[in-house]
Amino acid sequence: MVRLASVQHNGTTKLVAQIPTTLDYVDLTSIASNVRDFFLLGTTALERANELIQQTSSSSSSSSSSSSSILTIPATDAQLLAPIDGSLVGKFLCIGMNYVDHCTEQNVPIPTEPVVFSKFGSCVVGTNVPVAKDVQTEKLDYEVELGIVVGTTVPRFTSKEDAVQYIGGYTVVHDVSARDWQLEKNGGQWLLGKAMDGYAPIGPVIVTTDEMTLEKAHSTGIRCRVNGETLQQSNTDQLVFGVDDILSFVSKFMTLYPGDIIATGTPPGVGCFRKPPRCHLSFVIIIVIIIQFGKLGGMTCIVTGAARGIGYGIAERLGREGAARVAIVDLDPTATDEACSKLNETVPSCHFVAQACDVGDETAVTHAWSKIAKSNGGRIDILVQAAGIVGNTGIKTEDVDSTNFDAVFRVNVNGIFNGCKAVLPYMKAKGYGRIVNIASIAGKEGNAGMLAYSASKAAVIGLTKTIGKEYAETGITCNALAPAVVRTAMVEAMPPEQVTYMTDKIPMKRCGTIDEIASMVCFMASPETSFTTGFCFDATGGRSVY
């Protein structure tokens, strides 16, 4: 399993592979200087790269210096480029109208053979380069696509059955499109609308075929988020022509060479077919995500309170954003197993594991986190703590039962403390970590009739701020999220007057949704949130107190 990338490090462009246990890079320039040359070396290069990755991972986990000759490049010290430079791309072909649901949204017939057009090497840039409107266009649009990177020469008239052996790997392609030049000008020819400089961001990595099999390539979730909003979402099982069909068809007309790229088509949701159209953009920043390659790609996560409600929604979203492993932690073993089973069906690209645990029990949490870390190379990248209880409500302080008060604090405060304390050593060892603690707006302003709950969530915010400051120089961030009332089973069980009391304070006059909270948590848990720690984010529908 090799995820190839290209980075700028110490003024030099280097071919690297991502290290699964740390998300740092191992230098592959001793094998090849670029992706095309790497593929030309065949299985020898792949075997050697896997050896270097394994040696580096073993050295990191054992604190050994036996692999000192292997150069490890911290992700924070490298500038990520396109995984293959445009000058090395001989042919950049694209397949149009290749998703069943994309044809359906346009109300057009499904093609009977692949519709082929092209981009050029000058279109290629890295995924971290903002997409700006070229002076020649007024209608900029977005398209996410699965990209094939040719590994060895594909001879003319290659059969569908033989096609897969010529694939070097897969990447994400963003087929930026100038719709005015594609659809309205130049006599209906697509070329100028598709091939402007910089209009093919690719990457961030190329995943080799030992990880991304043909079966996975044909059953992979695909999504495009524009400025944080999901606008395209589908699955490659909607492809009209599969990867092997495409390679075989193209080979009838031309020979393909190592480094050539084929973008396999885009799913529905593009701007020009929305009502109203959304492609009149002067400047956009676009995040393109394919599940296996997502911004949380390869990460190991723990989510507490994940058998239901907000925690379940967060766990599902982490998986959809590319996390490789998510531990589902909850008190009830049966509910935890059922949630895990359902999630593995819903998000097959992520491996969900069930871990029953009482978060209020420090020993139990320490043992559970140790078990999870050991099964993942000593690694825990993300901890999201959503476990919580409300306790008795609708009563004033003088009537609060101390036993109930203590029970709420045991879960809501001790549980958060236990989780943070147990995870920090693993994150410190890797020099990276994201902790997200679910607090509440009640902890910021206090809700009448909810003394224990409000006080416990205030404690969570204080705990989060302290941890954020204490570990600010370690690569670990610790932040809290304070939602207003969210429509969950726990809220449904509250007295109606209590819910009305809370929603009346929200300018949007409604409860938040689980998906809205999960989306916010994914941002907080991502590498993008690298300069914020010890902070409490709000998700309150306009209700904000400080």
Protein backbone atom coordinates (compact mmCIF):
# COMPACT_ATOMS: atom_id res chain seq x y z
CA MET A 1 0.00 0.00 0.00
CA VAL A 2 1.71 3.17 -1.21
CA ARG A 3 0.28 6.68 -1.38
CA LEU A 4 2.59 8.61 -3.66
CA ALA A 5 2.94 12.37 -3.43
CA SER A 6 5.25 15.14 -4.52
CA VAL A 7 6.44 17.79 -2.08
CA GLN A 8 8.70 20.81 -1.94
CA HIS A 9 11.16 20.31 0.92
CA ASN A 10 14.25 22.41 1.65
CA GLY A 11 13.98 24.00 -1.78
CA THR A 12 13.86 20.66 -3.62
CA THR A 13 10.99 18.78 -5.24
CA LYS A 14 10.87 15.22 -3.92
CA LEU A 15 8.90 12.08 -4.60
CA VAL A 16 7.53 10.82 -1.28
CA ALA A 17 5.12 8.29 0.17
CA GLN A 18 2.73 9.01 3.00
CA ILE A 19 3.47 7.12 6.23
CA PRO A 20 0.13 5.64 7.42
CA THR A 21 0.93 5.81 11.14
CA THR A 22 1.93 9.49 11.24
CA LEU A 23 0.76 11.06 7.94
CA ASP A 24 4.32 12.33 7.49
CA TYR A 25 6.34 11.38 4.42
CA VAL A 26 9.21 9.05 3.60
CA ASP A 27 11.62 10.25 0.92
CA LEU A 28 11.54 8.00 -2.17
CA THR A 29 14.13 9.85 -4.24
CA SER A 30 16.53 6.94 -3.71
CA ILE A 31 14.08 4.93 -5.84
CA ALA A 32 12.90 7.48 -8.40
CA SER A 33 12.73 11.22 -8.84
CA ASN A 34 9.10 11.36 -9.95
CA VAL A 35 5.94 9.29 -10.24
CA ARG A 36 6.39 8.43 -13.90
CA ASP A 37 9.89 7.06 -13.34
CA PHE A 38 8.59 5.20 -10.27
CA PHE A 39 5.98 3.42 -12.36
CA LEU A 40 8.53 2.61 -15.08
CA LEU A 41 10.46 0.57 -12.50
CA GLY A 42 7.45 -1.70 -12.00
CA THR A 43 6.97 -3.93 -8.96
CA THR A 44 10.56 -3.37 -7.82
CA ALA A 45 9.81 0.26 -6.97
CA LEU A 46 6.56 -0.65 -5.21
CA GLU A 47 8.24 -3.32 -3.09
CA ARG A 48 11.09 -1.00 -2.13
CA ALA A 49 8.69 1.81 -1.22
CA ASN A 50 6.68 -0.51 1.00
CA GLU A 51 9.90 -1.60 2.73
CA LEU A 52 10.88 2.00 3.45
CA ILE A 53 7.41 2.82 4.78
CA GLN A 54 7.41 -0.23 7.07
CA GLN A 55 10.93 0.47 8.32
CA THR A 56 10.08 4.09 9.03
CA SER A 57 6.86 3.15 10.83
CA SER A 58 8.67 0.53 12.93
CA SER A 59 11.46 2.96 13.77
CA SER A 60 8.94 5.61 14.83
CA SER A 61 6.96 3.28 17.09
CA SER A 62 10.05 1.77 18.72
CA SER A 63 12.00 5.05 18.99
CA SER A 64 14.85 3.19 17.30
CA SER A 65 17.54 4.89 15.27
CA SER A 66 18.24 1.79 13.18
CA SER A 67 16.61 3.40 10.15
CA SER A 68 18.44 6.70 10.39
CA SER A 69 19.43 6.43 6.74
CA ILE A 70 15.76 6.72 5.76
CA LEU A 71 14.75 10.34 5.44
CA THR A 72 11.42 11.13 7.08
CA ILE A 73 9.89 14.47 6.13
CA PRO A 74 7.36 15.91 8.62
CA ALA A 75 4.17 16.96 6.86
CA THR A 76 4.45 20.36 8.51
CA ASP A 77 7.84 20.92 6.85
CA ALA A 78 6.73 20.10 3.32
CA GLN A 79 4.67 21.93 0.72
CA LEU A 80 2.37 19.50 -1.05
CA LEU A 81 2.43 19.71 -4.85
CA ALA A 82 0.53 17.87 -7.55
CA PRO A 83 1.58 14.20 -7.23
CA ILE A 84 2.76 14.22 -10.85
CA ASP A 85 4.09 17.33 -12.57
CA GLY A 86 2.19 18.49 -15.62
CA SER A 87 5.34 18.31 -17.75
CA LEU A 88 5.31 14.52 -17.26
CA VAL A 89 1.72 14.08 -18.41
CA GLY A 90 1.69 13.19 -22.09
CA LYS A 91 -2.05 12.70 -22.47
CA PHE A 92 -4.74 14.05 -20.15
CA LEU A 93 -8.02 12.54 -21.29
CA CYS A 94 -11.46 13.06 -19.77
CA ILE A 95 -14.70 11.13 -20.05
CA GLY A 96 -17.91 13.12 -20.29
CA MET A 97 -21.44 12.12 -19.29
CA ASN A 98 -20.17 9.04 -17.46
CA TYR A 99 -22.40 8.93 -14.36
CA VAL A 100 -25.93 7.59 -14.63
CA ASP A 101 -27.20 10.14 -12.11
CA HIS A 102 -25.35 12.98 -13.91
CA CYS A 103 -27.17 12.08 -17.14
CA THR A 104 -30.44 11.91 -15.22
CA GLU A 105 -30.05 15.43 -13.80
CA GLN A 106 -29.63 16.75 -17.37
CA ASN A 107 -32.46 14.62 -18.75
CA VAL A 108 -30.21 13.29 -21.52
CA PRO A 109 -29.72 9.74 -22.81
CA ILE A 110 -26.99 7.60 -21.27
CA PRO A 111 -24.09 7.37 -23.78
CA THR A 112 -23.59 4.10 -25.65
CA GLU A 113 -19.82 4.63 -25.84
CA PRO A 114 -17.42 6.86 -23.86
CA VAL A 115 -17.46 10.58 -24.68
CA VAL A 116 -13.78 11.59 -24.77
CA PHE A 117 -12.22 15.06 -24.60
CA SER A 118 -8.89 16.33 -23.31
CA LYS A 119 -7.01 18.66 -21.04
CA PHE A 120 -3.25 19.32 -21.13
CA GLY A 121 -0.27 19.09 -18.81
CA SER A 122 -0.42 22.86 -18.33
CA CYS A 123 -3.78 22.37 -16.59
CA VAL A 124 -2.18 20.37 -13.76
CA VAL A 125 -1.71 22.02 -10.36
CA GLY A 126 -1.80 20.80 -6.77
CA THR A 127 -4.99 20.59 -4.74
CA ASN A 128 -3.83 23.35 -2.38
CA VAL A 129 -3.83 25.95 -5.17
CA PRO A 130 -6.95 28.19 -5.10
CA VAL A 131 -9.02 28.09 -8.28
CA ALA A 132 -9.39 31.58 -9.73
CA LYS A 133 -11.62 32.73 -12.56
CA ASP A 134 -9.59 33.14 -15.73
CA VAL A 135 -10.02 36.51 -17.46
CA GLN A 136 -11.48 34.64 -20.46
CA THR A 137 -14.49 33.24 -18.60
CA GLU A 138 -17.47 34.48 -16.62
CA LYS A 139 -18.90 31.06 -15.77
CA LEU A 140 -16.57 28.97 -13.65
CA ASP A 141 -17.77 25.55 -12.53
CA TYR A 142 -16.58 22.59 -10.46
CA GLU A 143 -16.42 18.83 -11.15
CA VAL A 144 -14.97 16.10 -8.92
CA GLU A 145 -13.68 12.99 -10.68
CA LEU A 146 -11.82 9.77 -10.01
CA GLY A 147 -8.59 9.87 -12.00
CA ILE A 148 -6.68 6.94 -13.49
CA VAL A 149 -2.89 7.30 -13.64
CA VAL A 150 -1.32 5.00 -16.22
CA GLY A 151 1.58 2.97 -14.80
CA THR A 152 2.86 1.00 -17.79
CA THR A 153 2.35 1.40 -21.53
CA VAL A 154 -1.15 0.44 -22.63
CA PRO A 155 -0.83 -1.10 -26.10
CA ARG A 156 -3.38 -0.61 -28.85
CA PHE A 157 -6.47 -2.80 -28.69
CA THR A 158 -6.03 -3.85 -25.06
CA SER A 159 -8.90 -6.00 -23.83
CA LYS A 160 -11.10 -5.04 -20.90
CA GLU A 161 -9.82 -8.08 -19.01
CA ASP A 162 -6.17 -7.02 -19.41
CA ALA A 163 -6.65 -3.29 -18.85
CA VAL A 164 -6.25 -3.21 -15.07
CA GLN A 165 -2.65 -4.44 -15.17
CA TYR A 166 -1.55 -1.18 -16.80
CA ILE A 167 -2.92 1.10 -14.06
CA GLY A 168 -0.32 2.66 -11.78
CA GLY A 169 -2.83 4.14 -9.35
CA TYR A 170 -5.74 6.46 -8.79
CA THR A 171 -6.01 10.09 -7.79
CA VAL A 172 -8.61 12.84 -7.43
CA VAL A 173 -9.10 15.14 -10.41
CA HIS A 174 -10.92 18.44 -10.27
CA ASP A 175 -12.14 19.12 -13.79
CA VAL A 176 -12.51 22.91 -13.60
CA SER A 177 -14.80 24.04 -16.40
CA ALA A 178 -15.41 27.40 -18.07
CA ARG A 179 -19.02 26.75 -19.02
CA ASP A 180 -19.38 29.72 -21.37
CA TRP A 181 -16.51 28.46 -23.53
CA GLN A 182 -17.59 24.84 -23.20
CA LEU A 183 -21.30 25.22 -23.95
CA GLU A 184 -21.94 28.61 -25.57
CA LYS A 185 -18.88 29.59 -27.63
CA ASN A 186 -16.32 28.10 -30.02
CA GLY A 187 -18.88 26.22 -32.08
CA GLY A 188 -19.81 23.83 -29.30
CA GLN A 189 -16.29 22.41 -28.98
CA TRP A 190 -15.47 21.65 -25.32
CA LEU A 191 -11.68 22.00 -25.48
CA LEU A 192 -11.18 25.69 -24.61
CA GLY A 193 -13.68 25.49 -21.78
CA LYS A 194 -11.81 22.59 -20.23
CA ALA A 195 -8.13 23.24 -20.90
CA MET A 196 -7.24 26.64 -19.44
CA ASP A 197 -4.01 26.81 -17.45
CA GLY A 198 -4.41 25.50 -13.91
CA TYR A 199 -7.85 24.01 -14.54
CA ALA A 200 -6.98 20.46 -13.42
CA PRO A 201 -5.97 20.35 -9.74
CA ILE A 202 -5.06 16.74 -8.91
CA GLY A 203 -4.09 14.86 -5.77
CA PRO A 204 -3.20 15.14 -3.01
CA VAL A 205 -1.85 11.61 -3.54
CA ILE A 206 -1.82 8.75 -6.02
CA VAL A 207 -3.07 5.56 -4.38
CA THR A 208 -1.50 2.44 -5.86
CA THR A 209 -3.58 -0.51 -7.01
CA ASP A 210 -2.56 -2.79 -4.15
CA GLU A 211 -4.78 -0.57 -1.98
CA MET A 212 -7.27 0.75 -4.54
CA THR A 213 -8.37 -2.40 -6.34
CA LEU A 214 -10.62 -2.38 -9.38
CA GLU A 215 -13.51 -3.45 -7.15
CA LYS A 216 -12.92 -0.46 -4.84
CA ALA A 217 -12.52 1.88 -7.80
CA HIS A 218 -16.02 0.86 -8.86
CA SER A 219 -17.60 1.26 -5.40
CA THR A 220 -16.08 4.42 -3.97
CA GLY A 221 -17.93 7.37 -2.48
CA ILE A 222 -17.23 10.64 -4.25
CA ARG A 223 -17.98 14.15 -3.04
CA CYS A 224 -17.17 17.77 -3.87
CA ARG A 225 -17.38 20.55 -1.29
CA VAL A 226 -17.30 24.15 -2.47
CA ASN A 227 -16.30 26.58 0.26
CA GLY A 228 -17.41 24.07 2.88
CA GLU A 229 -20.76 23.17 1.27
CA THR A 230 -21.31 19.70 -0.18
CA LEU A 231 -22.58 20.18 -3.74
CA GLN A 232 -21.73 16.84 -5.36
CA GLN A 233 -22.15 13.45 -3.73
CA SER A 234 -22.43 10.07 -5.40
CA ASN A 235 -20.61 6.75 -5.77
CA THR A 236 -18.48 5.34 -8.56
CA ASP A 237 -20.95 2.46 -8.81
CA GLN A 238 -22.91 5.00 -10.89
CA LEU A 239 -20.23 5.03 -13.61
CA VAL A 240 -21.65 4.25 -17.05
CA PHE A 241 -18.27 2.94 -18.22
CA GLY A 242 -15.92 1.48 -15.64
CA VAL A 243 -12.19 2.01 -15.42
CA ASP A 244 -11.42 -1.15 -17.41
CA ASP A 245 -14.01 -0.27 -20.08
CA ILE A 246 -12.49 3.19 -20.50
CA LEU A 247 -8.90 1.98 -20.89
CA SER A 248 -9.91 -0.68 -23.39
CA PHE A 249 -11.99 1.77 -25.44
CA VAL A 250 -9.31 4.47 -25.56
CA SER A 251 -6.67 1.90 -26.58
CA LYS A 252 -8.59 1.30 -29.80
CA PHE A 253 -7.45 4.73 -30.95
CA MET A 254 -4.12 5.45 -29.23
CA THR A 255 -1.30 4.10 -27.09
CA LEU A 256 -1.21 5.29 -23.49
CA TYR A 257 2.08 5.81 -21.66
CA PRO A 258 3.19 5.98 -18.00
CA GLY A 259 2.07 9.24 -16.43
CA ASP A 260 -0.94 9.70 -18.69
CA ILE A 261 -4.14 10.59 -16.81
CA ILE A 262 -7.77 9.81 -17.51
CA ALA A 263 -10.51 11.61 -15.56
CA THR A 264 -13.46 9.23 -15.44
CA GLY A 265 -16.36 11.69 -15.30
CA THR A 266 -18.28 13.69 -12.73
CA PRO A 267 -21.41 12.93 -10.67
CA PRO A 268 -24.48 15.18 -10.44
CA GLY A 269 -24.60 18.51 -8.64
CA VAL A 270 -22.42 20.68 -10.89
CA GLY A 271 -23.19 24.37 -10.78
CA CYS A 272 -24.51 24.88 -14.29
CA PHE A 273 -27.37 22.41 -13.82
CA ARG A 274 -28.50 23.75 -10.46
CA LYS A 275 -31.58 25.91 -10.17
CA PRO A 276 -30.63 28.69 -10.17
CA PRO A 277 -27.22 28.01 -11.77
CA ARG A 278 -24.23 28.43 -9.46
CA CYS A 279 -21.36 28.79 -11.91
CA HIS A 280 -21.16 32.60 -12.16
CA LEU A 281 -18.30 32.69 -9.67
CA SER A 282 -15.50 35.24 -9.70
CA PHE A 283 -13.37 33.25 -7.28
CA VAL A 284 -13.83 29.91 -5.58
CA ILE A 285 -11.86 27.70 -3.26
CA ILE A 286 -12.88 24.11 -3.77
CA ILE A 287 -12.19 21.03 -1.67
CA VAL A 288 -12.50 17.85 -3.70
CA ILE A 289 -12.90 14.65 -1.72
CA ILE A 290 -13.04 11.02 -2.71
CA ILE A 291 -13.70 8.93 0.36
CA GLN A 292 -10.45 6.97 0.42
CA PHE A 293 -8.48 10.15 -0.25
CA GLY A 294 -10.41 12.57 1.99
CA LYS A 295 -9.00 15.26 4.23
CA LEU A 296 -9.10 12.74 7.10
CA GLY A 297 -7.58 10.07 4.86
CA GLY A 298 -6.00 7.18 6.75
CA MET A 299 -6.71 8.56 10.22
CA THR A 300 -7.63 6.59 13.34
CA CYS A 301 -10.49 8.06 15.36
CA ILE A 302 -12.39 7.47 18.58
CA VAL A 303 -15.92 8.79 19.04
CA THR A 304 -17.63 8.41 22.41
CA GLY A 305 -21.39 8.31 22.74
CA ALA A 306 -21.40 7.02 19.17
CA ALA A 307 -24.11 4.37 19.36
CA ARG A 308 -26.78 6.94 18.63
CA GLY A 309 -27.56 10.61 18.16
CA ILE A 310 -24.87 13.22 17.65
CA GLY A 311 -22.04 10.76 18.29
CA TYR A 312 -23.33 8.34 15.66
CA GLY A 313 -23.68 11.14 13.12
CA ILE A 314 -20.15 12.34 13.84
CA ALA A 315 -18.71 8.84 13.46
CA GLU A 316 -20.46 8.37 10.14
CA ARG A 317 -19.23 11.73 8.86
CA LEU A 318 -15.63 11.00 9.89
CA GLY A 319 -15.79 7.81 7.86
CA ARG A 320 -17.23 9.60 4.85
CA GLU A 321 -14.48 12.21 5.07
CA GLY A 322 -11.81 9.55 4.63
CA ALA A 323 -10.97 8.23 8.10
CA ALA A 324 -9.59 4.71 7.84
CA ARG A 325 -10.67 3.50 11.29
CA VAL A 326 -13.30 4.78 13.72
CA ALA A 327 -13.82 3.22 17.14
CA ILE A 328 -17.47 3.41 18.22
CA VAL A 329 -17.47 3.84 22.01
CA ASP A 330 -20.61 3.64 24.12
CA LEU A 331 -21.85 2.12 27.36
CA ASP A 332 -24.31 -0.44 25.95
CA PRO A 333 -22.44 -3.31 24.20
CA THR A 334 -25.48 -4.35 22.17
CA ALA A 335 -26.21 -0.83 20.93
CA THR A 336 -22.52 -0.30 20.18
CA ASP A 337 -22.30 -3.51 18.13
CA GLU A 338 -25.48 -2.65 16.23
CA ALA A 339 -24.26 0.86 15.44
CA CYS A 340 -20.91 -0.47 14.29
CA SER A 341 -22.52 -3.06 12.04
CA LYS A 342 -24.78 -0.47 10.45
CA LEU A 343 -21.93 1.98 9.89
CA ASN A 344 -19.76 -0.65 8.22
CA GLU A 345 -22.58 -1.22 5.74
CA THR A 346 -23.26 2.48 5.23
CA VAL A 347 -19.62 3.58 4.85
CA PRO A 348 -17.71 0.53 3.56
CA SER A 349 -14.56 2.56 2.87
CA CYS A 350 -14.00 3.00 6.64
CA HIS A 351 -13.45 0.27 9.22
CA PHE A 352 -15.68 0.80 12.25
CA VAL A 353 -14.96 -1.18 15.43
CA ALA A 354 -17.16 -1.47 18.51
CA GLN A 355 -15.72 -0.72 21.94
CA ALA A 356 -18.11 -0.85 24.89
CA CYS A 357 -16.82 1.37 27.69
CA ASP A 358 -18.02 3.37 30.68
CA VAL A 359 -16.32 6.72 30.04
CA GLY A 360 -16.77 7.69 33.68
CA ASP A 361 -14.45 4.85 34.72
CA GLU A 362 -10.84 6.01 34.30
CA THR A 363 -9.41 2.49 34.33
CA ALA A 364 -11.88 1.30 31.71
CA VAL A 365 -11.09 4.24 29.44
CA THR A 366 -7.34 3.76 29.77
CA HIS A 367 -7.71 0.08 28.88
CA ALA A 368 -10.03 0.78 25.93
CA TRP A 369 -7.81 3.50 24.44
CA SER A 370 -4.78 1.21 24.81
CA LYS A 371 -6.57 -1.57 22.96
CA ILE A 372 -7.57 0.75 20.14
CA ALA A 373 -4.07 2.23 19.83
CA LYS A 374 -2.35 -1.17 19.83
CA SER A 375 -4.52 -2.38 16.97
CA ASN A 376 -3.55 0.70 14.94
CA GLY A 377 0.22 0.90 15.30
CA GLY A 378 0.10 2.94 18.50
CA ARG A 379 -1.84 5.65 16.76
CA ILE A 380 -4.92 7.68 17.71
CA ASP A 381 -5.28 10.79 15.54
CA ILE A 382 -8.70 12.09 16.50
CA LEU A 383 -10.76 11.92 19.69
CA VAL A 384 -14.31 13.25 19.62
CA GLN A 385 -16.13 13.07 22.95
CA ALA A 386 -19.88 13.23 22.51
CA ALA A 387 -20.95 10.99 25.41
CA GLY A 388 -23.19 12.88 27.79
CA ILE A 389 -26.37 12.81 29.83
CA VAL A 390 -28.83 15.55 30.76
CA GLY A 391 -29.96 14.41 34.19
CA ASN A 392 -33.04 15.76 35.90
CA THR A 393 -34.43 18.96 34.41
CA GLY A 394 -37.14 21.47 35.14
CA ILE A 395 -36.15 21.85 38.80
CA LYS A 396 -34.48 24.68 40.67
CA THR A 397 -31.19 24.39 42.50
CA GLU A 398 -32.71 23.89 45.95
CA ASP A 399 -34.51 20.78 44.66
CA VAL A 400 -31.55 19.22 42.82
CA ASP A 401 -30.66 15.77 44.07
CA SER A 402 -26.93 15.54 44.80
CA THR A 403 -26.80 11.94 43.58
CA ASN A 404 -28.16 12.97 40.19
CA PHE A 405 -25.82 15.97 40.12
CA ASP A 406 -22.83 13.68 40.71
CA ALA A 407 -24.03 11.22 38.06
CA VAL A 408 -24.18 13.97 35.44
CA PHE A 409 -20.69 15.18 36.33
CA ARG A 410 -19.33 11.62 36.27
CA VAL A 411 -20.25 11.23 32.60
CA ASN A 412 -20.07 14.79 31.29
CA VAL A 413 -16.93 15.98 33.07
CA ASN A 414 -15.05 12.94 34.37
CA GLY A 415 -15.72 11.20 31.06
CA ILE A 416 -14.15 14.06 29.09
CA PHE A 417 -11.21 14.24 31.48
CA ASN A 418 -10.62 10.48 31.35
CA GLY A 419 -10.70 10.45 27.55
CA CYS A 420 -8.27 13.36 27.21
CA LYS A 421 -5.88 12.02 29.83
CA ALA A 422 -5.76 8.59 28.18
CA VAL A 423 -5.32 9.82 24.60
CA LEU A 424 -2.70 12.54 25.09
CA PRO A 425 0.31 10.18 25.45
CA TYR A 426 -0.49 8.55 22.09
CA MET A 427 -0.90 11.89 20.35
CA LYS A 428 2.27 13.29 21.93
CA ALA A 429 4.25 10.28 20.70
CA LYS A 430 3.18 11.00 17.12
CA GLY A 431 3.37 14.78 17.39
CA TYR A 432 -0.16 15.14 16.08
CA GLY A 433 -3.70 15.00 17.42
CA ARG A 434 -7.14 16.54 17.31
CA ILE A 435 -9.42 16.51 20.36
CA VAL A 436 -12.99 17.77 20.03
CA ASN A 437 -15.10 17.92 23.19
CA ILE A 438 -18.84 18.41 22.81
CA ALA A 439 -19.97 21.09 25.26
CA SER A 440 -23.21 23.08 25.04
CA ILE A 441 -24.46 26.63 24.87
CA ALA A 442 -25.91 25.81 28.30
CA GLY A 443 -22.35 25.75 29.59
CA LYS A 444 -21.78 29.30 28.36
CA GLU A 445 -24.89 31.00 29.64
CA GLY A 446 -26.61 28.51 31.97
CA ASN A 447 -30.09 27.14 31.39
CA ALA A 448 -32.62 27.56 34.18
CA GLY A 449 -33.84 24.21 35.46
CA MET A 450 -30.72 22.41 34.18
CA LEU A 451 -28.18 23.09 36.91
CA ALA A 452 -26.16 19.87 36.68
CA TYR A 453 -26.08 19.84 32.89
CA SER A 454 -25.21 23.53 32.53
CA ALA A 455 -22.49 23.36 35.18
CA SER A 456 -20.99 20.20 33.69
CA LYS A 457 -20.77 21.71 30.21
CA ALA A 458 -19.17 24.86 31.62
CA ALA A 459 -16.56 22.59 33.18
CA VAL A 460 -15.95 20.95 29.80
CA ILE A 461 -15.21 24.35 28.26
CA GLY A 462 -12.76 25.21 31.03
CA LEU A 463 -11.05 21.84 30.76
CA THR A 464 -10.74 22.26 26.99
CA LYS A 465 -9.16 25.71 27.29
CA THR A 466 -6.58 24.42 29.77
CA ILE A 467 -5.59 21.42 27.66
CA GLY A 468 -5.39 23.59 24.56
CA LYS A 469 -2.85 25.86 26.22
CA GLU A 470 -0.86 23.07 27.88
CA TYR A 471 -0.30 21.18 24.61
CA ALA A 472 -0.19 24.09 22.16
CA GLU A 473 3.39 23.34 21.08
CA THR A 474 2.99 19.59 20.58
CA GLY A 475 1.00 19.39 17.34
CA ILE A 476 -2.15 18.62 19.34
CA THR A 477 -5.20 20.87 19.27
CA CYS A 478 -8.04 20.65 21.78
CA ASN A 479 -11.25 22.52 21.05
CA ALA A 480 -14.86 22.37 22.17
CA LEU A 481 -18.10 22.74 20.29
CA ALA A 482 -21.06 24.35 22.05
CA PRO A 483 -24.27 23.57 20.15
CA ALA A 484 -27.64 24.97 20.94
CA VAL A 485 -30.41 22.39 21.14
CA VAL A 486 -30.02 19.63 18.52
CA ARG A 487 -32.85 17.34 17.48
CA THR A 488 -31.81 14.00 19.01
CA ALA A 489 -33.53 11.25 20.97
CA MET A 490 -32.20 12.85 24.15
CA VAL A 491 -33.93 16.12 23.27
CA GLU A 492 -37.11 14.30 22.29
CA ALA A 493 -37.24 12.92 25.83
CA MET A 494 -37.17 16.40 27.40
CA PRO A 495 -40.36 18.14 28.54
CA PRO A 496 -41.78 20.14 25.60
CA GLU A 497 -41.66 23.36 27.58
CA GLN A 498 -37.93 22.86 28.15
CA VAL A 499 -37.30 22.48 24.41
CA THR A 500 -39.48 25.51 23.63
CA TYR A 501 -37.57 27.53 26.21
CA MET A 502 -34.32 26.73 24.38
CA THR A 503 -35.49 27.15 20.77
CA ASP A 504 -37.19 30.47 21.55
CA LYS A 505 -33.72 31.88 22.20
CA ILE A 506 -32.43 30.78 18.78
CA PRO A 507 -32.82 33.42 16.03
CA MET A 508 -33.41 30.63 13.48
CA LYS A 509 -36.25 29.36 15.71
CA ARG A 510 -35.38 25.70 15.29
CA CYS A 511 -33.21 22.92 16.60
CA GLY A 512 -29.91 22.22 14.93
CA THR A 513 -29.45 18.98 13.00
CA ILE A 514 -27.03 16.16 13.66
CA ASP A 515 -25.51 16.61 10.20
CA GLU A 516 -24.81 20.28 10.89
CA ILE A 517 -22.95 19.38 14.07
CA ALA A 518 -21.07 16.51 12.41
CA SER A 519 -19.91 18.81 9.62
CA MET A 520 -18.54 21.31 12.14
CA VAL A 521 -16.77 18.57 14.09
CA CYS A 522 -15.11 17.25 10.93
CA PHE A 523 -13.64 20.67 10.27
CA MET A 524 -12.41 20.94 13.87
CA ALA A 525 -10.89 17.44 13.65
CA SER A 526 -9.13 18.02 10.33
CA PRO A 527 -5.54 19.10 9.65
CA GLU A 528 -7.00 22.38 8.37
CA THR A 529 -7.72 23.49 11.95
CA SER A 530 -4.05 23.84 12.80
CA PHE A 531 -3.90 27.33 14.34
CA THR A 532 -6.86 27.12 16.71
CA THR A 533 -6.72 25.44 20.10
CA GLY A 534 -8.35 25.92 23.47
CA PHE A 535 -11.31 27.51 21.72
CA CYS A 536 -15.03 26.91 22.02
CA PHE A 537 -16.86 27.01 18.69
CA ASP A 538 -20.57 27.82 18.58
CA ALA A 539 -23.26 26.06 16.54
CA THR A 540 -26.27 27.97 17.76
CA GLY A 541 -28.41 29.22 14.88
CA GLY A 542 -27.41 32.80 15.60
CA ARG A 543 -27.57 32.57 19.37
CA SER A 544 -24.16 33.58 20.66
CA VAL A 545 -23.33 35.02 24.05
CA TYR A 546 -19.51 35.36 23.97
